[in-house]
């Protein structure tokens, strides 16, 4: 039975939080989700049976919001920035099931 008034904490500190389903499969990750250019990419990653389906991350090349179908990237919206980036600024990409860009729109200069 749940406590009538469970304790409330002002701050929860962790490097990574994983939410799992009843079978123990990871369904969401908050914290480092992968590495880019040798650095941890922090974000929120949502998973289903086929793998990572949606994510919001921030890494060395800027923030990204992505959605996937059956584990393949389909839609990516982000702001590209950082050293070595030719065109800084907003970016919208659509990728086919093989991960090949079909649409790659960038604004910036």
PDB file of N, CA and C in Angstrom:
ATOM      1  N   UNK A   1       0.836  -1.177   0.000  1.00  0.00           N
ATOM      2  CA  UNK A   1       0.000   0.000   0.000  1.00  0.00           C
ATOM      3  C   UNK A   1       0.885   1.246   0.000  1.00  0.00           C
ATOM      4  N   UNK A   2       0.526   2.239  -0.806  1.00  0.00           N
ATOM      5  CA  UNK A   2       1.296   3.472  -0.915  1.00  0.00           C
ATOM      6  C   UNK A   2       1.138   4.310   0.344  1.00  0.00           C
ATOM      7  N   UNK A   3       2.216   5.026   0.668  1.00  0.00           N
ATOM      8  CA  UNK A   3       2.162   5.925   1.821  1.00  0.00           C
ATOM      9  C   UNK A   3       1.170   7.052   1.556  1.00  0.00           C
ATOM     10  N   UNK A   4       0.490   7.488   2.599  1.00  0.00           N
ATOM     11  CA  UNK A   4      -0.469   8.581   2.457  1.00  0.00           C
ATOM     12  C   UNK A   4       0.236   9.872   2.060  1.00  0.00           C
ATOM     13  N   UNK A   5       1.367  10.152   2.656  1.00  0.00           N
ATOM     14  CA  UNK A   5       2.147  11.356   2.358  1.00  0.00           C
ATOM     15  C   UNK A   5       3.602  10.960   2.135  1.00  0.00           C
ATOM     16  N   UNK A   6       3.942  10.482   0.933  1.00  0.00           N
ATOM     17  CA  UNK A   6       5.327  10.071   0.700  1.00  0.00           C
ATOM     18  C   UNK A   6       6.255  11.282   0.822  1.00  0.00           C
ATOM     19  N   UNK A   7       7.519  11.044   1.210  1.00  0.00           N
ATOM     20  CA  UNK A   7       8.447  12.167   1.354  1.00  0.00           C
ATOM     21  C   UNK A   7       8.691  12.853   0.006  1.00  0.00           C
ATOM     22  N   UNK A   8       8.840  14.167   0.049  1.00  0.00           N
ATOM     23  CA  UNK A   8       9.130  14.958  -1.138  1.00  0.00           C
ATOM     24  C   UNK A   8      10.537  15.514  -1.003  1.00  0.00           C
ATOM     25  N   UNK A   9      11.323  15.392  -2.065  1.00  0.00           N
ATOM     26  CA  UNK A   9      12.690  15.885  -2.067  1.00  0.00           C
ATOM     27  C   UNK A   9      12.775  17.080  -2.994  1.00  0.00           C
ATOM     28  N   UNK A  10      13.531  18.074  -2.605  1.00  0.00           N
ATOM     29  CA  UNK A  10      13.701  19.289  -3.412  1.00  0.00           C
ATOM     30  C   UNK A  10      14.509  19.013  -4.678  1.00  0.00           C
ATOM     31  N   UNK A  11      15.549  18.166  -4.573  1.00  0.00           N
ATOM     32  CA  UNK A  11      16.456  17.928  -5.692  1.00  0.00           C
ATOM     33  C   UNK A  11      16.766  16.440  -5.786  1.00  0.00           C
ATOM     34  N   UNK A  12      16.748  15.914  -6.998  1.00  0.00           N
ATOM     35  CA  UNK A  12      17.196  14.554  -7.282  1.00  0.00           C
ATOM     36  C   UNK A  12      18.415  14.685  -8.178  1.00  0.00           C
ATOM     37  N   UNK A  13      19.551  14.156  -7.757  1.00  0.00           N
ATOM     38  CA  UNK A  13      20.781  14.264  -8.549  1.00  0.00           C
ATOM     39  C   UNK A  13      21.184  12.885  -9.036  1.00  0.00           C
ATOM     40  N   UNK A  14      21.392  12.788 -10.339  1.00  0.00           N
ATOM     41  CA  UNK A  14      21.853  11.542 -10.946  1.00  0.00           C
ATOM     42  C   UNK A  14      22.530  11.886 -12.260  1.00  0.00           C
ATOM     43  N   UNK A  15      23.437  11.045 -12.705  1.00  0.00           N
ATOM     44  CA  UNK A  15      24.067  11.259 -14.007  1.00  0.00           C
ATOM     45  C   UNK A  15      23.188  10.742 -15.133  1.00  0.00           C
ATOM     46  N   UNK A  16      22.388   9.720 -14.843  1.00  0.00           N
ATOM     47  CA  UNK A  16      21.540   9.120 -15.869  1.00  0.00           C
ATOM     48  C   UNK A  16      20.350   8.469 -15.180  1.00  0.00           C
ATOM     49  N   UNK A  17      19.160   8.666 -15.758  1.00  0.00           N
ATOM     50  CA  UNK A  17      17.952   8.045 -15.250  1.00  0.00           C
ATOM     51  C   UNK A  17      17.346   7.219 -16.375  1.00  0.00           C
ATOM     52  N   UNK A  18      17.030   5.955 -16.098  1.00  0.00           N
ATOM     53  CA  UNK A  18      16.376   5.085 -17.077  1.00  0.00           C
ATOM     54  C   UNK A  18      15.021   4.659 -16.534  1.00  0.00           C
ATOM     55  N   UNK A  19      13.985   4.815 -17.346  1.00  0.00           N
ATOM     56  CA  UNK A  19      12.662   4.308 -17.005  1.00  0.00           C
ATOM     57  C   UNK A  19      12.474   2.999 -17.751  1.00  0.00           C
ATOM     58  N   UNK A  20      12.010   1.973 -17.048  1.00  0.00           N
ATOM     59  CA  UNK A  20      11.843   0.658 -17.659  1.00  0.00           C
ATOM     60  C   UNK A  20      10.387   0.221 -17.556  1.00  0.00           C
ATOM     61  N   UNK A  21       9.996  -0.702 -18.455  1.00  0.00           N
ATOM     62  CA  UNK A  21       8.640  -1.246 -18.405  1.00  0.00           C
ATOM     63  C   UNK A  21       8.605  -2.448 -17.455  1.00  0.00           C
ATOM     64  N   UNK A  22       7.472  -3.130 -17.396  1.00  0.00           N
ATOM     65  CA  UNK A  22       7.299  -4.261 -16.478  1.00  0.00           C
ATOM     66  C   UNK A  22       8.274  -5.404 -16.748  1.00  0.00           C
ATOM     67  N   UNK A  23       8.790  -5.508 -17.992  1.00  0.00           N
ATOM     68  CA  UNK A  23       9.740  -6.564 -18.336  1.00  0.00           C
ATOM     69  C   UNK A  23      11.189  -6.117 -18.168  1.00  0.00           C
ATOM     70  N   UNK A  24      11.407  -4.892 -17.699  1.00  0.00           N
ATOM     71  CA  UNK A  24      12.760  -4.401 -17.487  1.00  0.00           C
ATOM     72  C   UNK A  24      13.400  -3.765 -18.712  1.00  0.00           C
ATOM     73  N   UNK A  25      12.648  -3.605 -19.809  1.00  0.00           N
ATOM     74  CA  UNK A  25      13.189  -2.973 -21.020  1.00  0.00           C
ATOM     75  C   UNK A  25      13.209  -1.460 -20.848  1.00  0.00           C
ATOM     76  N   UNK A  26      14.307  -0.831 -21.251  1.00  0.00           N
ATOM     77  CA  UNK A  26      14.440   0.623 -21.144  1.00  0.00           C
ATOM     78  C   UNK A  26      13.464   1.288 -22.107  1.00  0.00           C
ATOM     79  N   UNK A  27      12.651   2.204 -21.584  1.00  0.00           N
ATOM     80  CA  UNK A  27      11.658   2.934 -22.391  1.00  0.00           C
ATOM     81  C   UNK A  27      11.969   4.411 -22.502  1.00  0.00           C
ATOM     82  N   UNK A  28      12.750   4.950 -21.549  1.00  0.00           N
ATOM     83  CA  UNK A  28      13.146   6.350 -21.600  1.00  0.00           C
ATOM     84  C   UNK A  28      14.473   6.517 -20.878  1.00  0.00           C
ATOM     85  N   UNK A  29      15.292   7.426 -21.392  1.00  0.00           N
ATOM     86  CA  UNK A  29      16.581   7.741 -20.779  1.00  0.00           C
ATOM     87  C   UNK A  29      16.676   9.255 -20.654  1.00  0.00           C
ATOM     88  N   UNK A  30      17.086   9.721 -19.497  1.00  0.00           N
ATOM     89  CA  UNK A  30      17.356  11.133 -19.267  1.00  0.00           C
ATOM     90  C   UNK A  30      18.788  11.238 -18.782  1.00  0.00           C
ATOM     91  N   UNK A  31      19.611  11.956 -19.539  1.00  0.00           N
ATOM     92  CA  UNK A  31      21.030  12.074 -19.208  1.00  0.00           C
ATOM     93  C   UNK A  31      21.856  11.819 -20.452  1.00  0.00           C
ATOM     94  N   UNK A  32      23.073  11.295 -20.319  1.00  0.00           N
ATOM     95  CA  UNK A  32      23.873  10.963 -21.497  1.00  0.00           C
ATOM     96  C   UNK A  32      23.175   9.856 -22.300  1.00  0.00           C
ATOM     97  N   UNK A  33      22.903  10.102 -23.581  1.00  0.00           N
ATOM     98  CA  UNK A  33      22.221   9.100 -24.401  1.00  0.00           C
ATOM     99  C   UNK A  33      23.149   8.473 -25.443  1.00  0.00           C
ATOM    100  N   UNK A  34      24.198   9.179 -25.857  1.00  0.00           N
ATOM    101  CA  UNK A  34      25.249   8.618 -26.709  1.00  0.00           C
ATOM    102  C   UNK A  34      26.428   9.592 -26.727  1.00  0.00           C
ATOM    103  N   UNK A  35      27.423   9.304 -27.549  1.00  0.00           N
ATOM    104  CA  UNK A  35      28.610  10.162 -27.631  1.00  0.00           C
ATOM    105  C   UNK A  35      28.728  10.739 -29.035  1.00  0.00           C
ATOM    106  N   UNK A  36      29.219  11.980 -29.108  1.00  0.00           N
ATOM    107  CA  UNK A  36      29.452  12.662 -30.381  1.00  0.00           C
ATOM    108  C   UNK A  36      30.777  13.392 -30.253  1.00  0.00           C
ATOM    109  N   UNK A  37      31.670  13.142 -31.188  1.00  0.00           N
ATOM    110  CA  UNK A  37      32.990  13.776 -31.168  1.00  0.00           C
ATOM    111  C   UNK A  37      33.685  13.577 -29.824  1.00  0.00           C
ATOM    112  N   UNK A  38      33.525  12.384 -29.231  1.00  0.00           N
ATOM    113  CA  UNK A  38      34.172  12.051 -27.979  1.00  0.00           C
ATOM    114  C   UNK A  38      33.526  12.653 -26.741  1.00  0.00           C
ATOM    115  N   UNK A  39      32.415  13.374 -26.917  1.00  0.00           N
ATOM    116  CA  UNK A  39      31.743  14.009 -25.784  1.00  0.00           C
ATOM    117  C   UNK A  39      30.373  13.384 -25.565  1.00  0.00           C
ATOM    118  N   UNK A  40      29.944  13.349 -24.312  1.00  0.00           N
ATOM    119  CA  UNK A  40      28.611  12.841 -23.989  1.00  0.00           C
ATOM    120  C   UNK A  40      27.556  13.793 -24.538  1.00  0.00           C
ATOM    121  N   UNK A  41      26.537  13.226 -25.160  1.00  0.00           N
ATOM    122  CA  UNK A  41      25.401  13.997 -25.648  1.00  0.00           C
ATOM    123  C   UNK A  41      24.277  13.804 -24.640  1.00  0.00           C
ATOM    124  N   UNK A  42      23.850  14.898 -24.024  1.00  0.00           N
ATOM    125  CA  UNK A  42      22.810  14.844 -23.012  1.00  0.00           C
ATOM    126  C   UNK A  42      21.445  15.019 -23.645  1.00  0.00           C
ATOM    127  N   UNK A  43      20.448  14.339 -23.091  1.00  0.00           N
ATOM    128  CA  UNK A  43      19.116  14.508 -23.632  1.00  0.00           C
ATOM    129  C   UNK A  43      18.096  13.591 -23.017  1.00  0.00           C
ATOM    130  N   UNK A  44      16.954  13.564 -23.666  1.00  0.00           N
ATOM    131  CA  UNK A  44      15.846  12.675 -23.336  1.00  0.00           C
ATOM    132  C   UNK A  44      15.613  11.795 -24.546  1.00  0.00           C
ATOM    133  N   UNK A  45      15.635  10.492 -24.345  1.00  0.00           N
ATOM    134  CA  UNK A  45      15.472   9.523 -25.423  1.00  0.00           C
ATOM    135  C   UNK A  45      14.319   8.588 -25.070  1.00  0.00           C
ATOM    136  N   UNK A  46      13.361   8.409 -26.000  1.00  0.00           N
ATOM    137  CA  UNK A  46      12.200   7.542 -25.786  1.00  0.00           C
ATOM    138  C   UNK A  46      12.299   6.317 -26.679  1.00  0.00           C
ATOM    139  N   UNK A  47      12.002   5.138 -26.111  1.00  0.00           N
ATOM    140  CA  UNK A  47      12.197   3.868 -26.812  1.00  0.00           C
ATOM    141  C   UNK A  47      10.917   3.036 -26.829  1.00  0.00           C
ATOM    142  N   UNK A  48      10.790   2.188 -27.865  1.00  0.00           N
ATOM    143  CA  UNK A  48       9.766   1.141 -27.869  1.00  0.00           C
ATOM    144  C   UNK A  48      10.442  -0.159 -28.273  1.00  0.00           C
ATOM    145  N   UNK A  49       9.661  -1.148 -28.704  1.00  0.00           N
ATOM    146  CA  UNK A  49      10.229  -2.457 -29.039  1.00  0.00           C
ATOM    147  C   UNK A  49      11.274  -2.404 -30.145  1.00  0.00           C
ATOM    148  N   UNK A  50      11.174  -1.439 -31.059  1.00  0.00           N
ATOM    149  CA  UNK A  50      12.109  -1.386 -32.183  1.00  0.00           C
ATOM    150  C   UNK A  50      13.331  -0.517 -31.898  1.00  0.00           C
ATOM    151  N   UNK A  51      13.386   0.114 -30.737  1.00  0.00           N
ATOM    152  CA  UNK A  51      14.552   0.937 -30.397  1.00  0.00           C
ATOM    153  C   UNK A  51      14.176   2.373 -30.100  1.00  0.00           C
ATOM    154  N   UNK A  52      15.152   3.256 -30.275  1.00  0.00           N
ATOM    155  CA  UNK A  52      14.944   4.676 -29.998  1.00  0.00           C
ATOM    156  C   UNK A  52      13.972   5.265 -31.026  1.00  0.00           C
ATOM    157  N   UNK A  53      12.900   5.890 -30.543  1.00  0.00           N
ATOM    158  CA  UNK A  53      11.872   6.426 -31.444  1.00  0.00           C
ATOM    159  C   UNK A  53      11.807   7.935 -31.460  1.00  0.00           C
ATOM    160  N   UNK A  54      12.154   8.586 -30.359  1.00  0.00           N
ATOM    161  CA  UNK A  54      12.131  10.045 -30.307  1.00  0.00           C
ATOM    162  C   UNK A  54      13.213  10.506 -29.339  1.00  0.00           C
ATOM    163  N   UNK A  55      13.764  11.697 -29.608  1.00  0.00           N
ATOM    164  CA  UNK A  55      14.811  12.196 -28.743  1.00  0.00           C
ATOM    165  C   UNK A  55      14.894  13.716 -28.824  1.00  0.00           C
ATOM    166  N   UNK A  56      15.345  14.293 -27.743  1.00  0.00           N
ATOM    167  CA  UNK A  56      15.707  15.701 -27.683  1.00  0.00           C
ATOM    168  C   UNK A  56      17.074  15.722 -27.040  1.00  0.00           C
ATOM    169  N   UNK A  57      18.090  16.133 -27.785  1.00  0.00           N
ATOM    170  CA  UNK A  57      19.460  16.084 -27.288  1.00  0.00           C
ATOM    171  C   UNK A  57      20.164  17.409 -27.527  1.00  0.00           C
ATOM    172  N   UNK A  58      21.245  17.597 -26.797  1.00  0.00           N
ATOM    173  CA  UNK A  58      22.127  18.722 -27.038  1.00  0.00           C
ATOM    174  C   UNK A  58      23.553  18.214 -26.950  1.00  0.00           C
ATOM    175  N   UNK A  59      24.299  18.439 -28.020  1.00  0.00           N
ATOM    176  CA  UNK A  59      25.665  17.936 -28.105  1.00  0.00           C
ATOM    177  C   UNK A  59      26.585  18.974 -28.706  1.00  0.00           C
ATOM    178  N   UNK A  60      27.804  18.568 -29.056  1.00  0.00           N
ATOM    179  CA  UNK A  60      28.793  19.506 -29.596  1.00  0.00           C
ATOM    180  C   UNK A  60      28.343  20.233 -30.862  1.00  0.00           C
ATOM    181  N   UNK A  61      27.480  19.602 -31.674  1.00  0.00           N
ATOM    182  CA  UNK A  61      27.052  20.255 -32.918  1.00  0.00           C
ATOM    183  C   UNK A  61      25.704  20.948 -32.783  1.00  0.00           C
ATOM    184  N   UNK A  62      25.168  21.050 -31.545  1.00  0.00           N
ATOM    185  CA  UNK A  62      23.926  21.777 -31.324  1.00  0.00           C
ATOM    186  C   UNK A  62      22.785  20.883 -30.884  1.00  0.00           C
ATOM    187  N   UNK A  63      21.618  21.482 -30.586  1.00  0.00           N
ATOM    188  CA  UNK A  63      20.455  20.718 -30.136  1.00  0.00           C
ATOM    189  C   UNK A  63      19.718  20.048 -31.297  1.00  0.00           C
ATOM    190  N   UNK A  64      19.128  18.875 -31.021  1.00  0.00           N
ATOM    191  CA  UNK A  64      18.365  18.119 -32.022  1.00  0.00           C
ATOM    192  C   UNK A  64      17.064  17.609 -31.419  1.00  0.00           C
ATOM    193  N   UNK A  65      16.022  17.613 -32.230  1.00  0.00           N
ATOM    194  CA  UNK A  65      14.752  16.964 -31.912  1.00  0.00           C
ATOM    195  C   UNK A  65      14.511  15.982 -33.050  1.00  0.00           C
ATOM    196  N   UNK A  66      14.380  14.703 -32.729  1.00  0.00           N
ATOM    197  CA  UNK A  66      14.240  13.708 -33.778  1.00  0.00           C
ATOM    198  C   UNK A  66      13.137  12.714 -33.499  1.00  0.00           C
ATOM    199  N   UNK A  67      12.591  12.155 -34.570  1.00  0.00           N
ATOM    200  CA  UNK A  67      11.587  11.098 -34.484  1.00  0.00           C
ATOM    201  C   UNK A  67      11.943  10.033 -35.501  1.00  0.00           C
ATOM    202  N   UNK A  68      11.767   8.775 -35.111  1.00  0.00           N
ATOM    203  CA  UNK A  68      12.150   7.668 -35.978  1.00  0.00           C
ATOM    204  C   UNK A  68      10.980   6.709 -36.149  1.00  0.00           C
ATOM    205  N   UNK A  69      11.041   5.944 -37.235  1.00  0.00           N
ATOM    206  CA  UNK A  69      10.057   4.895 -37.494  1.00  0.00           C
ATOM    207  C   UNK A  69      10.821   3.589 -37.610  1.00  0.00           C
ATOM    208  N   UNK A  70      10.455   2.615 -36.798  1.00  0.00           N
ATOM    209  CA  UNK A  70      11.103   1.303 -36.818  1.00  0.00           C
ATOM    210  C   UNK A  70      12.614   1.388 -36.671  1.00  0.00           C
ATOM    211  N   UNK A  71      13.088   2.360 -35.870  1.00  0.00           N
ATOM    212  CA  UNK A  71      14.516   2.468 -35.615  1.00  0.00           C
ATOM    213  C   UNK A  71      15.287   3.256 -36.650  1.00  0.00           C
ATOM    214  N   UNK A  72      14.664   3.661 -37.757  1.00  0.00           N
ATOM    215  CA  UNK A  72      15.336   4.458 -38.783  1.00  0.00           C
ATOM    216  C   UNK A  72      14.969   5.918 -38.600  1.00  0.00           C
ATOM    217  N   UNK A  73      15.959   6.822 -38.697  1.00  0.00           N
ATOM    218  CA  UNK A  73      15.673   8.241 -38.578  1.00  0.00           C
ATOM    219  C   UNK A  73      14.761   8.674 -39.705  1.00  0.00           C
ATOM    220  N   UNK A  74      13.760   9.437 -39.365  1.00  0.00           N
ATOM    221  CA  UNK A  74      12.823   9.910 -40.379  1.00  0.00           C
ATOM    222  C   UNK A  74      12.757  11.426 -40.391  1.00  0.00           C
ATOM    223  N   UNK A  75      12.661  12.068 -39.227  1.00  0.00           N
ATOM    224  CA  UNK A  75      12.550  13.521 -39.126  1.00  0.00           C
ATOM    225  C   UNK A  75      13.581  14.023 -38.126  1.00  0.00           C
ATOM    226  N   UNK A  76      14.304  15.081 -38.492  1.00  0.00           N
ATOM    227  CA  UNK A  76      15.292  15.672 -37.607  1.00  0.00           C
ATOM    228  C   UNK A  76      15.195  17.185 -37.716  1.00  0.00           C
ATOM    229  N   UNK A  77      15.056  17.842 -36.586  1.00  0.00           N
ATOM    230  CA  UNK A  77      15.002  19.291 -36.518  1.00  0.00           C
ATOM    231  C   UNK A  77      16.059  19.727 -35.529  1.00  0.00           C
ATOM    232  N   UNK A  78      16.912  20.644 -35.913  1.00  0.00           N
ATOM    233  CA  UNK A  78      17.968  21.043 -34.997  1.00  0.00           C
ATOM    234  C   UNK A  78      18.556  22.389 -35.347  1.00  0.00           C
ATOM    235  N   UNK A  79      19.512  22.780 -34.536  1.00  0.00           N
ATOM    236  CA  UNK A  79      20.296  23.981 -34.784  1.00  0.00           C
ATOM    237  C   UNK A  79      21.749  23.522 -34.836  1.00  0.00           C
ATOM    238  N   UNK A  80      22.344  23.635 -36.005  1.00  0.00           N
ATOM    239  CA  UNK A  80      23.716  23.178 -36.215  1.00  0.00           C
ATOM    240  C   UNK A  80      24.656  24.324 -35.864  1.00  0.00           C
ATOM    241  N   UNK A  81      25.638  24.020 -35.004  1.00  0.00           N
ATOM    242  CA  UNK A  81      26.576  25.043 -34.579  1.00  0.00           C
ATOM    243  C   UNK A  81      27.862  24.388 -34.129  1.00  0.00           C
ATOM    244  N   UNK A  82      28.903  25.168 -34.041  1.00  0.00           N
ATOM    245  CA  UNK A  82      30.144  24.655 -33.480  1.00  0.00           C
ATOM    246  C   UNK A  82      31.296  24.697 -34.450  1.00  0.00           C
ATOM    247  N   UNK A  83      32.509  24.375 -33.952  1.00  0.00           N
ATOM    248  CA  UNK A  83      33.703  24.393 -34.786  1.00  0.00           C
ATOM    249  C   UNK A  83      33.604  23.385 -35.930  1.00  0.00           C
ATOM    250  N   UNK A  84      34.046  23.780 -37.091  1.00  0.00           N
ATOM    251  CA  UNK A  84      34.054  22.895 -38.253  1.00  0.00           C
ATOM    252  C   UNK A  84      32.726  22.805 -38.981  1.00  0.00           C
ATOM    253  N   UNK A  85      31.692  23.473 -38.489  1.00  0.00           N
ATOM    254  CA  UNK A  85      30.389  23.465 -39.149  1.00  0.00           C
ATOM    255  C   UNK A  85      30.407  24.518 -40.252  1.00  0.00           C
ATOM    256  N   UNK A  86      30.085  24.114 -41.472  1.00  0.00           N
ATOM    257  CA  UNK A  86      30.138  25.021 -42.618  1.00  0.00           C
ATOM    258  C   UNK A  86      28.978  26.016 -42.586  1.00  0.00           C
ATOM    259  N   UNK A  87      27.761  25.538 -42.320  1.00  0.00           N
ATOM    260  CA  UNK A  87      26.582  26.403 -42.290  1.00  0.00           C
ATOM    261  C   UNK A  87      25.937  26.309 -40.912  1.00  0.00           C
ATOM    262  N   UNK A  88      26.156  27.329 -40.066  1.00  0.00           N
ATOM    263  CA  UNK A  88      25.504  27.381 -38.758  1.00  0.00           C
ATOM    264  C   UNK A  88      24.046  27.757 -38.938  1.00  0.00           C
ATOM    265  N   UNK A  89      23.201  27.287 -38.042  1.00  0.00           N
ATOM    266  CA  UNK A  89      21.815  27.725 -38.029  1.00  0.00           C
ATOM    267  C   UNK A  89      20.829  26.577 -38.014  1.00  0.00           C
ATOM    268  N   UNK A  90      19.536  26.908 -38.140  1.00  0.00           N
ATOM    269  CA  UNK A  90      18.475  25.903 -38.104  1.00  0.00           C
ATOM    270  C   UNK A  90      18.600  24.891 -39.246  1.00  0.00           C
ATOM    271  N   UNK A  91      18.156  23.656 -38.959  1.00  0.00           N
ATOM    272  CA  UNK A  91      18.212  22.589 -39.972  1.00  0.00           C
ATOM    273  C   UNK A  91      17.001  21.691 -39.826  1.00  0.00           C
ATOM    274  N   UNK A  92      16.427  21.292 -40.966  1.00  0.00           N
ATOM    275  CA  UNK A  92      15.313  20.350 -41.009  1.00  0.00           C
ATOM    276  C   UNK A  92      15.677  19.272 -42.005  1.00  0.00           C
ATOM    277  N   UNK A  93      15.614  18.005 -41.577  1.00  0.00           N
ATOM    278  CA  UNK A  93      15.970  16.896 -42.470  1.00  0.00           C
ATOM    279  C   UNK A  93      14.894  15.826 -42.445  1.00  0.00           C
ATOM    280  N   UNK A  94      14.653  15.233 -43.609  1.00  0.00           N
ATOM    281  CA  UNK A  94      13.841  14.029 -43.746  1.00  0.00           C
ATOM    282  C   UNK A  94      14.746  12.955 -44.318  1.00  0.00           C
ATOM    283  N   UNK A  95      14.739  11.781 -43.690  1.00  0.00           N
ATOM    284  CA  UNK A  95      15.584  10.685 -44.148  1.00  0.00           C
ATOM    285  C   UNK A  95      14.728   9.497 -44.541  1.00  0.00           C
ATOM    286  N   UNK A  96      15.164   8.755 -45.574  1.00  0.00           N
ATOM    287  CA  UNK A  96      14.413   7.561 -45.971  1.00  0.00           C
ATOM    288  C   UNK A  96      14.748   6.411 -45.030  1.00  0.00           C
ATOM    289  N   UNK A  97      14.159   5.246 -45.272  1.00  0.00           N
ATOM    290  CA  UNK A  97      14.338   4.096 -44.376  1.00  0.00           C
ATOM    291  C   UNK A  97      15.786   3.623 -44.306  1.00  0.00           C
ATOM    292  N   UNK A  98      16.608   3.973 -45.299  1.00  0.00           N
ATOM    293  CA  UNK A  98      18.022   3.598 -45.274  1.00  0.00           C
ATOM    294  C   UNK A  98      18.866   4.627 -44.533  1.00  0.00           C
ATOM    295  N   UNK A  99      18.241   5.733 -44.092  1.00  0.00           N
ATOM    296  CA  UNK A  99      18.966   6.793 -43.414  1.00  0.00           C
ATOM    297  C   UNK A  99      19.574   7.790 -44.361  1.00  0.00           C
ATOM    298  N   UNK A 100      19.180   7.757 -45.639  1.00  0.00           N
ATOM    299  CA  UNK A 100      19.706   8.674 -46.639  1.00  0.00           C
ATOM    300  C   UNK A 100      18.831   9.927 -46.661  1.00  0.00           C
ATOM    301  N   UNK A 101      19.434  11.138 -46.540  1.00  0.00           N
ATOM    302  CA  UNK A 101      18.629  12.365 -46.563  1.00  0.00           C
ATOM    303  C   UNK A 101      17.870  12.544 -47.879  1.00  0.00           C
ATOM    304  N   UNK A 102      16.565  12.797 -47.765  1.00  0.00           N
ATOM    305  CA  UNK A 102      15.722  13.130 -48.917  1.00  0.00           C
ATOM    306  C   UNK A 102      15.530  14.634 -48.994  1.00  0.00           C
ATOM    307  N   UNK A 103      15.441  15.249 -47.832  1.00  0.00           N
ATOM    308  CA  UNK A 103      15.297  16.700 -47.713  1.00  0.00           C
ATOM    309  C   UNK A 103      16.285  17.164 -46.671  1.00  0.00           C
ATOM    310  N   UNK A 104      17.038  18.218 -46.986  1.00  0.00           N
ATOM    311  CA  UNK A 104      17.986  18.787 -46.030  1.00  0.00           C
ATOM    312  C   UNK A 104      17.933  20.301 -46.192  1.00  0.00           C
ATOM    313  N   UNK A 105      17.108  20.954 -45.381  1.00  0.00           N
ATOM    314  CA  UNK A 105      16.926  22.407 -45.455  1.00  0.00           C
ATOM    315  C   UNK A 105      17.724  23.052 -44.337  1.00  0.00           C
ATOM    316  N   UNK A 106      18.496  24.073 -44.698  1.00  0.00           N
ATOM    317  CA  UNK A 106      19.295  24.803 -43.699  1.00  0.00           C
ATOM    318  C   UNK A 106      19.107  26.290 -43.917  1.00  0.00           C
ATOM    319  N   UNK A 107      19.079  27.000 -42.826  1.00  0.00           N
ATOM    320  CA  UNK A 107      19.026  28.464 -42.885  1.00  0.00           C
ATOM    321  C   UNK A 107      20.182  28.977 -42.061  1.00  0.00           C
ATOM    322  N   UNK A 108      20.844  29.969 -42.547  1.00  0.00           N
ATOM    323  CA  UNK A 108      21.967  30.518 -41.789  1.00  0.00           C
ATOM    324  C   UNK A 108      23.023  31.000 -42.750  1.00  0.00           C
ATOM    325  N   UNK A 109      24.123  31.305 -42.208  1.00  0.00           N
ATOM    326  CA  UNK A 109      25.128  31.832 -43.104  1.00  0.00           C
ATOM    327  C   UNK A 109      26.454  31.720 -42.534  1.00  0.00           C
TER     328      UNK A 109
END
